[in-house]
C-alpha atoms as a PDB file:
ATOM      1  CA  MET A   1    -107.009-220.027 231.741  1.00  0.00           C
ATOM      2  CA  TYR A   2    -106.202-223.678 231.110  1.00  0.00           C
ATOM      3  CA  LEU A   3    -109.433-224.743 232.786  1.00  0.00           C
ATOM      4  CA  TYR A   4    -111.921-222.133 231.717  1.00  0.00           C
ATOM      5  CA  ALA A   5    -110.750-220.573 228.398  1.00  0.00           C
ATOM      6  CA  PRO A   6    -111.944-221.930 225.067  1.00  0.00           C
ATOM      7  CA  ASP A   7    -109.395-223.696 222.935  1.00  0.00           C
ATOM      8  CA  GLU A   8    -108.964-220.561 220.614  1.00  0.00           C
ATOM      9  CA  VAL A   9    -108.112-218.380 223.536  1.00  0.00           C
ATOM     10  CA  PHE A  10    -105.848-220.956 225.170  1.00  0.00           C
ATOM     11  CA  LYS A  11    -103.917-221.439 221.779  1.00  0.00           C
ATOM     12  CA  GLY A  12    -103.791-217.673 221.250  1.00  0.00           C
ATOM     13  CA  PHE A  13    -102.277-217.112 224.633  1.00  0.00           C
ATOM     14  CA  THR A  14     -99.674-219.759 223.909  1.00  0.00           C
ATOM     15  CA  LYS A  15     -98.787-218.329 220.606  1.00  0.00           C
ATOM     16  CA  TRP A  16     -98.422-214.822 222.111  1.00  0.00           C
ATOM     17  CA  SER A  17     -96.311-216.059 225.058  1.00  0.00           C
ATOM     18  CA  LEU A  18     -94.037-218.113 222.635  1.00  0.00           C
ATOM     19  CA  ASP A  19     -93.582-214.902 220.474  1.00  0.00           C
ATOM     20  CA  LEU A  20     -92.412-212.866 223.478  1.00  0.00           C
ATOM     21  CA  THR A  21     -89.018-214.525 223.194  1.00  0.00           C
ATOM     22  CA  SER A  22     -88.794-214.494 219.431  1.00  0.00           C
ATOM     23  CA  HIS A  23     -86.095-212.180 218.218  1.00  0.00           C
ATOM     24  CA  ASP A  24     -86.828-212.418 214.506  1.00  0.00           C
ATOM     25  CA  ASN A  25     -89.652-210.097 214.742  1.00  0.00           C
ATOM     26  CA  PRO A  26     -89.939-208.535 218.169  1.00  0.00           C
ATOM     27  CA  THR A  27     -92.978-206.260 217.207  1.00  0.00           C
ATOM     28  CA  LYS A  28     -94.996-209.473 216.164  1.00  0.00           C
ATOM     29  CA  GLN A  29     -95.946-209.871 219.808  1.00  0.00           C
ATOM     30  CA  PHE A  30     -98.161-206.808 219.628  1.00  0.00           C
ATOM     31  CA  LYS A  31    -100.137-208.293 216.756  1.00  0.00           C
ATOM     32  CA  ASP A  32    -100.482-211.673 218.490  1.00  0.00           C
ATOM     33  CA  TYR A  33    -101.513-210.030 221.693  1.00  0.00           C
ATOM     34  CA  TYR A  34    -104.127-208.014 219.786  1.00  0.00           C
ATOM     35  CA  GLU A  35    -105.545-211.240 218.223  1.00  0.00           C
ATOM     36  CA  LEU A  36    -105.630-212.788 221.638  1.00  0.00           C
ATOM     37  CA  ILE A  37    -107.478-209.884 223.321  1.00  0.00           C
ATOM     38  CA  LYS A  38    -109.951-209.812 220.335  1.00  0.00           C
ATOM     39  CA  LEU A  39    -110.619-213.590 220.990  1.00  0.00           C
ATOM     40  CA  VAL A  40    -111.088-212.966 224.731  1.00  0.00           C
ATOM     41  CA  ARG A  41    -113.593-210.069 223.977  1.00  0.00           C
ATOM     42  CA  LYS A  42    -115.554-212.350 221.651  1.00  0.00           C
ATOM     43  CA  ASP A  43    -115.674-215.092 224.287  1.00  0.00           C
ATOM     44  CA  MET A  44    -116.946-212.562 226.865  1.00  0.00           C
ATOM     45  CA  GLY A  45    -119.836-211.551 224.681  1.00  0.00           C
ATOM     46  CA  ASN A  46    -118.551-209.105 222.266  1.00  0.00           C
ATOM     47  CA  SER A  47    -118.824-211.333 219.293  1.00  0.00           C
ATOM     48  CA  ARG A  48    -119.275-208.457 216.856  1.00  0.00           C
ATOM     49  CA  THR A  49    -116.290-206.487 217.997  1.00  0.00           C
ATOM     50  CA  LYS A  50    -114.827-204.252 215.157  1.00  0.00           C
ATOM     51  CA  LEU A  51    -111.936-202.988 217.019  1.00  0.00           C
ATOM     52  CA  SER A  52    -108.913-202.829 214.745  1.00  0.00           C
ATOM     53  CA  LEU A  53    -105.175-203.259 215.488  1.00  0.00           C
ATOM     54  CA  ASP A  54    -104.923-199.412 215.279  1.00  0.00           C
ATOM     55  CA  ASP A  55    -107.718-199.073 217.854  1.00  0.00           C
ATOM     56  CA  PHE A  56    -105.866-201.485 220.148  1.00  0.00           C
ATOM     57  CA  MET A  57    -102.410-199.963 219.689  1.00  0.00           C
ATOM     58  CA  LEU A  58    -103.721-196.477 220.298  1.00  0.00           C
ATOM     59  CA  PHE A  59    -105.324-197.744 223.482  1.00  0.00           C
ATOM     60  CA  TYR A  60    -102.207-199.417 224.448  1.00  0.00           C
ATOM     61  CA  MET A  61     -99.731-196.576 223.559  1.00  0.00           C
ATOM     62  CA  GLN A  62    -102.063-193.642 224.431  1.00  0.00           C
ATOM     63  CA  ASN A  63    -100.204-191.336 221.999  1.00  0.00           C
ATOM     64  CA  ARG A  64    -101.090-190.840 218.289  1.00  0.00           C
ATOM     65  CA  GLU A  65     -97.712-189.448 217.333  1.00  0.00           C
ATOM     66  CA  GLU A  66     -95.787-192.103 219.033  1.00  0.00           C
ATOM     67  CA  TYR A  67     -97.891-194.779 217.531  1.00  0.00           C
ATOM     68  CA  ALA A  68     -97.480-193.241 214.037  1.00  0.00           C
ATOM     69  CA  LYS A  69     -93.679-193.281 214.564  1.00  0.00           C
ATOM     70  CA  PHE A  70     -93.801-196.835 215.833  1.00  0.00           C
ATOM     71  CA  LYS A  71     -95.892-197.920 212.725  1.00  0.00           C
ATOM     72  CA  SER A  72     -93.249-196.137 210.432  1.00  0.00           C
ATOM     73  CA  GLN A  73     -90.308-197.638 212.094  1.00  0.00           C
ATOM     74  CA  ASN A  74     -91.627-201.126 212.116  1.00  0.00           C
ATOM     75  CA  GLY A  75     -93.084-201.089 208.611  1.00  0.00           C
ATOM     76  CA  TRP A  76     -96.744-201.613 209.691  1.00  0.00           C
END
């Protein structure tokens, strides 16, 4: 990644990896990871991606009810 990723992707990865150890807001890592994945998708040719955080989290969690519960518990 250091050699080939554009600066935005590199910085997004760094931000996400630093947030993994943040105890102030443990669910923030999901939002940062979503932003990172969105940057990677754009870099790979999907410049007009319209996938939302909800789309990403549903893909990640694979369960609508659990995601709704997660959103409610975390104030999303």
